[in-house]
């Protein structure tokens, strides 16, 4: 869908996907605005962001693949730079 509306797809190399720090740097460098991720991977991304100096451009994060614990997102929302990002939970009965 994104490609039909002028968006682009960023293919993440396997080694980058396994490193939260490298993955966060890729998100920032490529100016990713929509991310689809599991909650457990996103928790690792939150920790990587805390150590990074770059600022992300995420507008929307869509969670799926496993249950989301809302309490795990408190540290995300404590950072002012993250408050404009919409978090959407798509996990549940299909």
PDB file of N, CA and C in Angstrom:
ATOM      1  N   UNK A   1       0.794  -1.200   0.000  1.00  0.00           N
ATOM      2  CA  UNK A   1       0.000   0.000   0.000  1.00  0.00           C
ATOM      3  C   UNK A   1       0.840   1.270   0.000  1.00  0.00           C
ATOM      4  N   UNK A   2       1.912   1.287   0.762  1.00  0.00           N
ATOM      5  CA  UNK A   2       2.731   2.501   0.846  1.00  0.00           C
ATOM      6  C   UNK A   2       3.307   2.877  -0.511  1.00  0.00           C
ATOM      7  N   UNK A   3       3.699   1.879  -1.278  1.00  0.00           N
ATOM      8  CA  UNK A   3       4.311   2.143  -2.574  1.00  0.00           C
ATOM      9  C   UNK A   3       3.319   2.791  -3.537  1.00  0.00           C
ATOM     10  N   UNK A   4       2.035   2.479  -3.402  1.00  0.00           N
ATOM     11  CA  UNK A   4       1.015   3.067  -4.272  1.00  0.00           C
ATOM     12  C   UNK A   4       0.788   4.542  -3.985  1.00  0.00           C
ATOM     13  N   UNK A   5       1.210   5.009  -2.818  1.00  0.00           N
ATOM     14  CA  UNK A   5       0.981   6.401  -2.419  1.00  0.00           C
ATOM     15  C   UNK A   5       2.272   7.187  -2.243  1.00  0.00           C
ATOM     16  N   UNK A   6       3.325   6.758  -2.921  1.00  0.00           N
ATOM     17  CA  UNK A   6       4.573   7.512  -2.897  1.00  0.00           C
ATOM     18  C   UNK A   6       5.516   7.157  -1.765  1.00  0.00           C
ATOM     19  N   UNK A   7       5.157   6.178  -0.957  1.00  0.00           N
ATOM     20  CA  UNK A   7       6.038   5.752   0.126  1.00  0.00           C
ATOM     21  C   UNK A   7       7.121   4.839  -0.401  1.00  0.00           C
ATOM     22  N   UNK A   8       7.998   4.429   0.481  1.00  0.00           N
ATOM     23  CA  UNK A   8       9.022   3.465   0.088  1.00  0.00           C
ATOM     24  C   UNK A   8       9.191   2.449   1.201  1.00  0.00           C
ATOM     25  N   UNK A   9       9.698   1.324   0.835  1.00  0.00           N
ATOM     26  CA  UNK A   9       9.900   0.219   1.752  1.00  0.00           C
ATOM     27  C   UNK A   9      11.380   0.114   2.080  1.00  0.00           C
ATOM     28  N   UNK A  10      11.706   0.032   3.355  1.00  0.00           N
ATOM     29  CA  UNK A  10      13.095  -0.151   3.770  1.00  0.00           C
ATOM     30  C   UNK A  10      13.256  -1.611   4.177  1.00  0.00           C
ATOM     31  N   UNK A  11      14.085  -2.320   3.439  1.00  0.00           N
ATOM     32  CA  UNK A  11      14.358  -3.719   3.755  1.00  0.00           C
ATOM     33  C   UNK A  11      15.521  -3.744   4.735  1.00  0.00           C
ATOM     34  N   UNK A  12      15.289  -4.368   5.886  1.00  0.00           N
ATOM     35  CA  UNK A  12      16.285  -4.380   6.960  1.00  0.00           C
ATOM     36  C   UNK A  12      17.168  -5.622   6.819  1.00  0.00           C
ATOM     37  N   UNK A  13      18.476  -5.426   6.695  1.00  0.00           N
ATOM     38  CA  UNK A  13      19.379  -6.588   6.651  1.00  0.00           C
ATOM     39  C   UNK A  13      19.256  -7.410   7.932  1.00  0.00           C
ATOM     40  N   UNK A  14      19.447  -8.719   7.814  1.00  0.00           N
ATOM     41  CA  UNK A  14      19.265  -9.618   8.947  1.00  0.00           C
ATOM     42  C   UNK A  14      20.132  -9.240  10.146  1.00  0.00           C
ATOM     43  N   UNK A  15      21.389  -8.902   9.925  1.00  0.00           N
ATOM     44  CA  UNK A  15      22.266  -8.537  11.045  1.00  0.00           C
ATOM     45  C   UNK A  15      21.796  -7.259  11.730  1.00  0.00           C
ATOM     46  N   UNK A  16      21.285  -6.316  10.958  1.00  0.00           N
ATOM     47  CA  UNK A  16      20.755  -5.074  11.528  1.00  0.00           C
ATOM     48  C   UNK A  16      19.506  -5.353  12.344  1.00  0.00           C
ATOM     49  N   UNK A  17      18.656  -6.240  11.855  1.00  0.00           N
ATOM     50  CA  UNK A  17      17.424  -6.579  12.571  1.00  0.00           C
ATOM     51  C   UNK A  17      17.708  -7.224  13.919  1.00  0.00           C
ATOM     52  N   UNK A  18      18.850  -7.851  14.053  1.00  0.00           N
ATOM     53  CA  UNK A  18      19.205  -8.530  15.307  1.00  0.00           C
ATOM     54  C   UNK A  18      19.937  -7.626  16.296  1.00  0.00           C
ATOM     55  N   UNK A  19      20.214  -6.403  15.890  1.00  0.00           N
ATOM     56  CA  UNK A  19      20.901  -5.450  16.767  1.00  0.00           C
ATOM     57  C   UNK A  19      19.997  -4.239  17.001  1.00  0.00           C
ATOM     58  N   UNK A  20      19.421  -4.114  18.190  1.00  0.00           N
ATOM     59  CA  UNK A  20      18.532  -2.971  18.447  1.00  0.00           C
ATOM     60  C   UNK A  20      19.194  -1.619  18.184  1.00  0.00           C
ATOM     61  N   UNK A  21      20.468  -1.476  18.519  1.00  0.00           N
ATOM     62  CA  UNK A  21      21.166  -0.206  18.289  1.00  0.00           C
ATOM     63  C   UNK A  21      21.281   0.086  16.790  1.00  0.00           C
ATOM     64  N   UNK A  22      21.724  -0.904  16.024  1.00  0.00           N
ATOM     65  CA  UNK A  22      21.846  -0.722  14.578  1.00  0.00           C
ATOM     66  C   UNK A  22      20.483  -0.484  13.940  1.00  0.00           C
ATOM     67  N   UNK A  23      19.463  -1.181  14.440  1.00  0.00           N
ATOM     68  CA  UNK A  23      18.116  -1.017  13.895  1.00  0.00           C
ATOM     69  C   UNK A  23      17.602   0.406  14.147  1.00  0.00           C
ATOM     70  N   UNK A  24      17.828   0.917  15.359  1.00  0.00           N
ATOM     71  CA  UNK A  24      17.393   2.286  15.656  1.00  0.00           C
ATOM     72  C   UNK A  24      18.124   3.288  14.765  1.00  0.00           C
ATOM     73  N   UNK A  25      19.419   3.101  14.568  1.00  0.00           N
ATOM     74  CA  UNK A  25      20.187   3.996  13.694  1.00  0.00           C
ATOM     75  C   UNK A  25      19.641   3.953  12.266  1.00  0.00           C
ATOM     76  N   UNK A  26      19.279   2.767  11.793  1.00  0.00           N
ATOM     77  CA  UNK A  26      18.697   2.627  10.454  1.00  0.00           C
ATOM     78  C   UNK A  26      17.374   3.380  10.360  1.00  0.00           C
ATOM     79  N   UNK A  27      16.519   3.238  11.380  1.00  0.00           N
ATOM     80  CA  UNK A  27      15.239   3.959  11.388  1.00  0.00           C
ATOM     81  C   UNK A  27      15.455   5.468  11.267  1.00  0.00           C
ATOM     82  N   UNK A  28      16.416   5.963  11.988  1.00  0.00           N
ATOM     83  CA  UNK A  28      16.699   7.405  11.959  1.00  0.00           C
ATOM     84  C   UNK A  28      17.295   7.825  10.622  1.00  0.00           C
ATOM     85  N   UNK A  29      18.279   7.093  10.158  1.00  0.00           N
ATOM     86  CA  UNK A  29      18.971   7.431   8.915  1.00  0.00           C
ATOM     87  C   UNK A  29      18.028   7.390   7.713  1.00  0.00           C
ATOM     88  N   UNK A  30      17.151   6.411   7.665  1.00  0.00           N
ATOM     89  CA  UNK A  30      16.229   6.248   6.541  1.00  0.00           C
ATOM     90  C   UNK A  30      14.931   7.037   6.711  1.00  0.00           C
ATOM     91  N   UNK A  31      14.804   7.734   7.843  1.00  0.00           N
ATOM     92  CA  UNK A  31      13.629   8.565   8.134  1.00  0.00           C
ATOM     93  C   UNK A  31      12.322   7.769   8.041  1.00  0.00           C
ATOM     94  N   UNK A  32      12.330   6.580   8.648  1.00  0.00           N
ATOM     95  CA  UNK A  32      11.165   5.703   8.659  1.00  0.00           C
ATOM     96  C   UNK A  32      10.040   6.379   9.435  1.00  0.00           C
ATOM     97  N   UNK A  33       8.828   6.352   8.870  1.00  0.00           N
ATOM     98  CA  UNK A  33       7.677   6.986   9.528  1.00  0.00           C
ATOM     99  C   UNK A  33       6.647   5.986  10.042  1.00  0.00           C
ATOM    100  N   UNK A  34       6.611   4.782   9.464  1.00  0.00           N
ATOM    101  CA  UNK A  34       5.671   3.747   9.908  1.00  0.00           C
ATOM    102  C   UNK A  34       6.467   2.473  10.159  1.00  0.00           C
ATOM    103  N   UNK A  35       6.287   1.902  11.346  1.00  0.00           N
ATOM    104  CA  UNK A  35       7.014   0.704  11.743  1.00  0.00           C
ATOM    105  C   UNK A  35       6.025  -0.345  12.216  1.00  0.00           C
ATOM    106  N   UNK A  36       6.175  -1.563  11.732  1.00  0.00           N
ATOM    107  CA  UNK A  36       5.374  -2.698  12.185  1.00  0.00           C
ATOM    108  C   UNK A  36       6.312  -3.624  12.927  1.00  0.00           C
ATOM    109  N   UNK A  37       6.041  -3.865  14.218  1.00  0.00           N
ATOM    110  CA  UNK A  37       7.005  -4.596  15.038  1.00  0.00           C
ATOM    111  C   UNK A  37       6.298  -5.349  16.154  1.00  0.00           C
ATOM    112  N   UNK A  38       6.949  -6.386  16.660  1.00  0.00           N
ATOM    113  CA  UNK A  38       6.425  -7.083  17.832  1.00  0.00           C
ATOM    114  C   UNK A  38       6.722  -6.239  19.074  1.00  0.00           C
ATOM    115  N   UNK A  39       5.893  -6.368  20.107  1.00  0.00           N
ATOM    116  CA  UNK A  39       6.160  -5.615  21.336  1.00  0.00           C
ATOM    117  C   UNK A  39       7.518  -5.918  21.964  1.00  0.00           C
ATOM    118  N   UNK A  40       7.961  -7.166  21.932  1.00  0.00           N
ATOM    119  CA  UNK A  40       9.256  -7.486  22.549  1.00  0.00           C
ATOM    120  C   UNK A  40      10.407  -6.830  21.789  1.00  0.00           C
ATOM    121  N   UNK A  41      10.325  -6.795  20.466  1.00  0.00           N
ATOM    122  CA  UNK A  41      11.364  -6.112  19.689  1.00  0.00           C
ATOM    123  C   UNK A  41      11.318  -4.607  19.946  1.00  0.00           C
ATOM    124  N   UNK A  42      10.118  -4.061  20.121  1.00  0.00           N
ATOM    125  CA  UNK A  42       9.988  -2.625  20.379  1.00  0.00           C
ATOM    126  C   UNK A  42      10.574  -2.256  21.741  1.00  0.00           C
ATOM    127  N   UNK A  43      10.430  -3.118  22.732  1.00  0.00           N
ATOM    128  CA  UNK A  43      11.048  -2.847  24.038  1.00  0.00           C
ATOM    129  C   UNK A  43      12.559  -2.717  23.894  1.00  0.00           C
ATOM    130  N   UNK A  44      13.168  -3.541  23.056  1.00  0.00           N
ATOM    131  CA  UNK A  44      14.607  -3.445  22.810  1.00  0.00           C
ATOM    132  C   UNK A  44      14.937  -2.145  22.073  1.00  0.00           C
ATOM    133  N   UNK A  45      14.045  -1.720  21.189  1.00  0.00           N
ATOM    134  CA  UNK A  45      14.242  -0.462  20.468  1.00  0.00           C
ATOM    135  C   UNK A  45      14.166   0.726  21.426  1.00  0.00           C
ATOM    136  N   UNK A  46      13.272   0.666  22.404  1.00  0.00           N
ATOM    137  CA  UNK A  46      13.177   1.729  23.422  1.00  0.00           C
ATOM    138  C   UNK A  46      14.512   1.863  24.154  1.00  0.00           C
ATOM    139  N   UNK A  47      15.099   0.737  24.519  1.00  0.00           N
ATOM    140  CA  UNK A  47      16.397   0.765  25.213  1.00  0.00           C
ATOM    141  C   UNK A  47      17.487   1.332  24.300  1.00  0.00           C
ATOM    142  N   UNK A  48      17.462   0.977  23.031  1.00  0.00           N
ATOM    143  CA  UNK A  48      18.457   1.495  22.087  1.00  0.00           C
ATOM    144  C   UNK A  48      18.302   3.001  21.913  1.00  0.00           C
ATOM    145  N   UNK A  49      17.073   3.478  21.878  1.00  0.00           N
ATOM    146  CA  UNK A  49      16.830   4.917  21.729  1.00  0.00           C
ATOM    147  C   UNK A  49      17.403   5.690  22.922  1.00  0.00           C
ATOM    148  N   UNK A  50      17.307   5.122  24.095  1.00  0.00           N
ATOM    149  CA  UNK A  50      17.808   5.792  25.297  1.00  0.00           C
ATOM    150  C   UNK A  50      19.310   6.034  25.230  1.00  0.00           C
ATOM    151  N   UNK A  51      20.020   5.201  24.467  1.00  0.00           N
ATOM    152  CA  UNK A  51      21.473   5.319  24.340  1.00  0.00           C
ATOM    153  C   UNK A  51      21.898   6.134  23.118  1.00  0.00           C
ATOM    154  N   UNK A  52      20.969   6.457  22.237  1.00  0.00           N
ATOM    155  CA  UNK A  52      21.300   7.099  20.958  1.00  0.00           C
ATOM    156  C   UNK A  52      21.165   8.619  21.033  1.00  0.00           C
ATOM    157  N   UNK A  53      21.850   9.292  20.120  1.00  0.00           N
ATOM    158  CA  UNK A  53      21.733  10.743  20.025  1.00  0.00           C
ATOM    159  C   UNK A  53      20.792  11.152  18.884  1.00  0.00           C
ATOM    160  N   UNK A  54      20.550  10.233  17.937  1.00  0.00           N
ATOM    161  CA  UNK A  54      19.672  10.544  16.812  1.00  0.00           C
ATOM    162  C   UNK A  54      18.217  10.623  17.262  1.00  0.00           C
ATOM    163  N   UNK A  55      17.442  11.322  16.455  1.00  0.00           N
ATOM    164  CA  UNK A  55      16.005  11.429  16.692  1.00  0.00           C
ATOM    165  C   UNK A  55      15.272  10.710  15.564  1.00  0.00           C
ATOM    166  N   UNK A  56      14.307   9.904  15.933  1.00  0.00           N
ATOM    167  CA  UNK A  56      13.540   9.164  14.933  1.00  0.00           C
ATOM    168  C   UNK A  56      12.469  10.065  14.306  1.00  0.00           C
ATOM    169  N   UNK A  57      11.859   9.566  13.232  1.00  0.00           N
ATOM    170  CA  UNK A  57      10.796  10.280  12.530  1.00  0.00           C
ATOM    171  C   UNK A  57       9.508   9.469  12.516  1.00  0.00           C
ATOM    172  N   UNK A  58       9.376   8.536  13.444  1.00  0.00           N
ATOM    173  CA  UNK A  58       8.216   7.656  13.467  1.00  0.00           C
ATOM    174  C   UNK A  58       6.927   8.433  13.753  1.00  0.00           C
ATOM    175  N   UNK A  59       5.950   8.216  12.897  1.00  0.00           N
ATOM    176  CA  UNK A  59       4.604   8.761  13.126  1.00  0.00           C
ATOM    177  C   UNK A  59       3.689   7.697  13.702  1.00  0.00           C
ATOM    178  N   UNK A  60       3.915   6.433  13.284  1.00  0.00           N
ATOM    179  CA  UNK A  60       3.048   5.338  13.698  1.00  0.00           C
ATOM    180  C   UNK A  60       3.869   4.078  13.918  1.00  0.00           C
ATOM    181  N   UNK A  61       3.573   3.379  15.019  1.00  0.00           N
ATOM    182  CA  UNK A  61       4.136   2.059  15.273  1.00  0.00           C
ATOM    183  C   UNK A  61       2.954   1.110  15.431  1.00  0.00           C
ATOM    184  N   UNK A  62       2.960   0.033  14.655  1.00  0.00           N
ATOM    185  CA  UNK A  62       1.885  -0.954  14.687  1.00  0.00           C
ATOM    186  C   UNK A  62       2.439  -2.221  15.315  1.00  0.00           C
ATOM    187  N   UNK A  63       1.787  -2.673  16.389  1.00  0.00           N
ATOM    188  CA  UNK A  63       2.231  -3.873  17.095  1.00  0.00           C
ATOM    189  C   UNK A  63       1.411  -5.075  16.657  1.00  0.00           C
ATOM    190  N   UNK A  64       2.067  -6.216  16.550  1.00  0.00           N
ATOM    191  CA  UNK A  64       1.400  -7.464  16.231  1.00  0.00           C
ATOM    192  C   UNK A  64       2.309  -8.630  16.552  1.00  0.00           C
ATOM    193  N   UNK A  65       1.764  -9.822  16.421  1.00  0.00           N
ATOM    194  CA  UNK A  65       2.564 -11.020  16.601  1.00  0.00           C
ATOM    195  C   UNK A  65       2.612 -11.566  18.014  1.00  0.00           C
ATOM    196  N   UNK A  66       2.328 -10.735  18.987  1.00  0.00           N
ATOM    197  CA  UNK A  66       2.307 -11.178  20.387  1.00  0.00           C
ATOM    198  C   UNK A  66       1.562 -10.139  21.214  1.00  0.00           C
ATOM    199  N   UNK A  67       1.182 -10.529  22.421  1.00  0.00           N
ATOM    200  CA  UNK A  67       0.417  -9.639  23.294  1.00  0.00           C
ATOM    201  C   UNK A  67       1.253  -8.423  23.700  1.00  0.00           C
ATOM    202  N   UNK A  68       0.582  -7.289  23.793  1.00  0.00           N
ATOM    203  CA  UNK A  68       1.217  -6.037  24.198  1.00  0.00           C
ATOM    204  C   UNK A  68       0.894  -5.742  25.652  1.00  0.00           C
ATOM    205  N   UNK A  69       1.918  -5.476  26.433  1.00  0.00           N
ATOM    206  CA  UNK A  69       1.749  -5.043  27.826  1.00  0.00           C
ATOM    207  C   UNK A  69       1.845  -3.520  27.843  1.00  0.00           C
ATOM    208  N   UNK A  70       0.726  -2.815  28.014  1.00  0.00           N
ATOM    209  CA  UNK A  70       0.768  -1.354  27.973  1.00  0.00           C
ATOM    210  C   UNK A  70       1.761  -0.723  28.953  1.00  0.00           C
ATOM    211  N   UNK A  71       1.965  -1.337  30.095  1.00  0.00           N
ATOM    212  CA  UNK A  71       2.917  -0.790  31.078  1.00  0.00           C
ATOM    213  C   UNK A  71       4.330  -0.717  30.520  1.00  0.00           C
ATOM    214  N   UNK A  72       4.656  -1.577  29.561  1.00  0.00           N
ATOM    215  CA  UNK A  72       5.998  -1.591  28.971  1.00  0.00           C
ATOM    216  C   UNK A  72       6.261  -0.351  28.121  1.00  0.00           C
ATOM    217  N   UNK A  73       5.220   0.416  27.820  1.00  0.00           N
ATOM    218  CA  UNK A  73       5.368   1.602  26.976  1.00  0.00           C
ATOM    219  C   UNK A  73       5.580   2.889  27.780  1.00  0.00           C
ATOM    220  N   UNK A  74       5.543   2.796  29.100  1.00  0.00           N
ATOM    221  CA  UNK A  74       5.705   4.000  29.930  1.00  0.00           C
ATOM    222  C   UNK A  74       7.022   4.715  29.658  1.00  0.00           C
ATOM    223  N   UNK A  75       8.105   3.958  29.532  1.00  0.00           N
ATOM    224  CA  UNK A  75       9.396   4.602  29.292  1.00  0.00           C
ATOM    225  C   UNK A  75       9.437   5.257  27.914  1.00  0.00           C
ATOM    226  N   UNK A  76       8.691   4.743  26.946  1.00  0.00           N
ATOM    227  CA  UNK A  76       8.592   5.358  25.617  1.00  0.00           C
ATOM    228  C   UNK A  76       7.948   6.732  25.730  1.00  0.00           C
ATOM    229  N   UNK A  77       6.837   6.812  26.434  1.00  0.00           N
ATOM    230  CA  UNK A  77       6.100   8.070  26.530  1.00  0.00           C
ATOM    231  C   UNK A  77       6.730   9.086  27.465  1.00  0.00           C
ATOM    232  N   UNK A  78       7.686   8.664  28.282  1.00  0.00           N
ATOM    233  CA  UNK A  78       8.386   9.626  29.145  1.00  0.00           C
ATOM    234  C   UNK A  78       9.244  10.585  28.330  1.00  0.00           C
ATOM    235  N   UNK A  79       9.678  10.167  27.169  1.00  0.00           N
ATOM    236  CA  UNK A  79      10.514  11.007  26.304  1.00  0.00           C
ATOM    237  C   UNK A  79       9.608  11.898  25.459  1.00  0.00           C
ATOM    238  N   UNK A  80       9.815  13.179  25.546  1.00  0.00           N
ATOM    239  CA  UNK A  80       8.973  14.128  24.824  1.00  0.00           C
ATOM    240  C   UNK A  80       8.997  13.897  23.313  1.00  0.00           C
ATOM    241  N   UNK A  81      10.132  13.483  22.773  1.00  0.00           N
ATOM    242  CA  UNK A  81      10.256  13.263  21.326  1.00  0.00           C
ATOM    243  C   UNK A  81       9.345  12.144  20.829  1.00  0.00           C
ATOM    244  N   UNK A  82       8.869  11.301  21.720  1.00  0.00           N
ATOM    245  CA  UNK A  82       8.043  10.157  21.328  1.00  0.00           C
ATOM    246  C   UNK A  82       6.538  10.423  21.424  1.00  0.00           C
ATOM    247  N   UNK A  83       6.148  11.490  22.044  1.00  0.00           N
ATOM    248  CA  UNK A  83       4.738  11.694  22.339  1.00  0.00           C
ATOM    249  C   UNK A  83       3.874  11.923  21.115  1.00  0.00           C
ATOM    250  N   UNK A  84       4.450  12.324  19.994  1.00  0.00           N
ATOM    251  CA  UNK A  84       3.674  12.543  18.775  1.00  0.00           C
ATOM    252  C   UNK A  84       3.495  11.257  17.968  1.00  0.00           C
ATOM    253  N   UNK A  85       4.157  10.181  18.374  1.00  0.00           N
ATOM    254  CA  UNK A  85       4.073   8.909  17.658  1.00  0.00           C
ATOM    255  C   UNK A  85       2.845   8.139  18.132  1.00  0.00           C
ATOM    256  N   UNK A  86       2.005   7.724  17.180  1.00  0.00           N
ATOM    257  CA  UNK A  86       0.831   6.907  17.505  1.00  0.00           C
ATOM    258  C   UNK A  86       1.247   5.451  17.612  1.00  0.00           C
ATOM    259  N   UNK A  87       0.804   4.791  18.668  1.00  0.00           N
ATOM    260  CA  UNK A  87       1.067   3.370  18.853  1.00  0.00           C
ATOM    261  C   UNK A  87      -0.243   2.615  18.695  1.00  0.00           C
ATOM    262  N   UNK A  88      -0.261   1.629  17.808  1.00  0.00           N
ATOM    263  CA  UNK A  88      -1.486   0.904  17.488  1.00  0.00           C
ATOM    264  C   UNK A  88      -1.271  -0.583  17.767  1.00  0.00           C
ATOM    265  N   UNK A  89      -2.156  -1.165  18.561  1.00  0.00           N
ATOM    266  CA  UNK A  89      -2.073  -2.587  18.888  1.00  0.00           C
ATOM    267  C   UNK A  89      -2.994  -3.365  17.955  1.00  0.00           C
ATOM    268  N   UNK A  90      -2.411  -4.167  17.071  1.00  0.00           N
ATOM    269  CA  UNK A  90      -3.192  -4.962  16.111  1.00  0.00           C
ATOM    270  C   UNK A  90      -3.252  -6.436  16.505  1.00  0.00           C
ATOM    271  N   UNK A  91      -2.765  -6.770  17.679  1.00  0.00           N
ATOM    272  CA  UNK A  91      -2.777  -8.168  18.122  1.00  0.00           C
ATOM    273  C   UNK A  91      -4.136  -8.487  18.725  1.00  0.00           C
ATOM    274  N   UNK A  92      -4.625  -9.666  18.453  1.00  0.00           N
ATOM    275  CA  UNK A  92      -5.884 -10.086  19.048  1.00  0.00           C
ATOM    276  C   UNK A  92      -6.606 -11.072  18.164  1.00  0.00           C
ATOM    277  N   UNK A  93      -7.851 -11.259  18.435  1.00  0.00           N
ATOM    278  CA  UNK A  93      -8.658 -12.210  17.672  1.00  0.00           C
ATOM    279  C   UNK A  93      -8.764 -11.732  16.232  1.00  0.00           C
ATOM    280  N   UNK A  94      -8.516 -12.630  15.293  1.00  0.00           N
ATOM    281  CA  UNK A  94      -8.569 -12.237  13.880  1.00  0.00           C
ATOM    282  C   UNK A  94      -9.914 -12.552  13.267  1.00  0.00           C
TER     283      UNK A  94
END
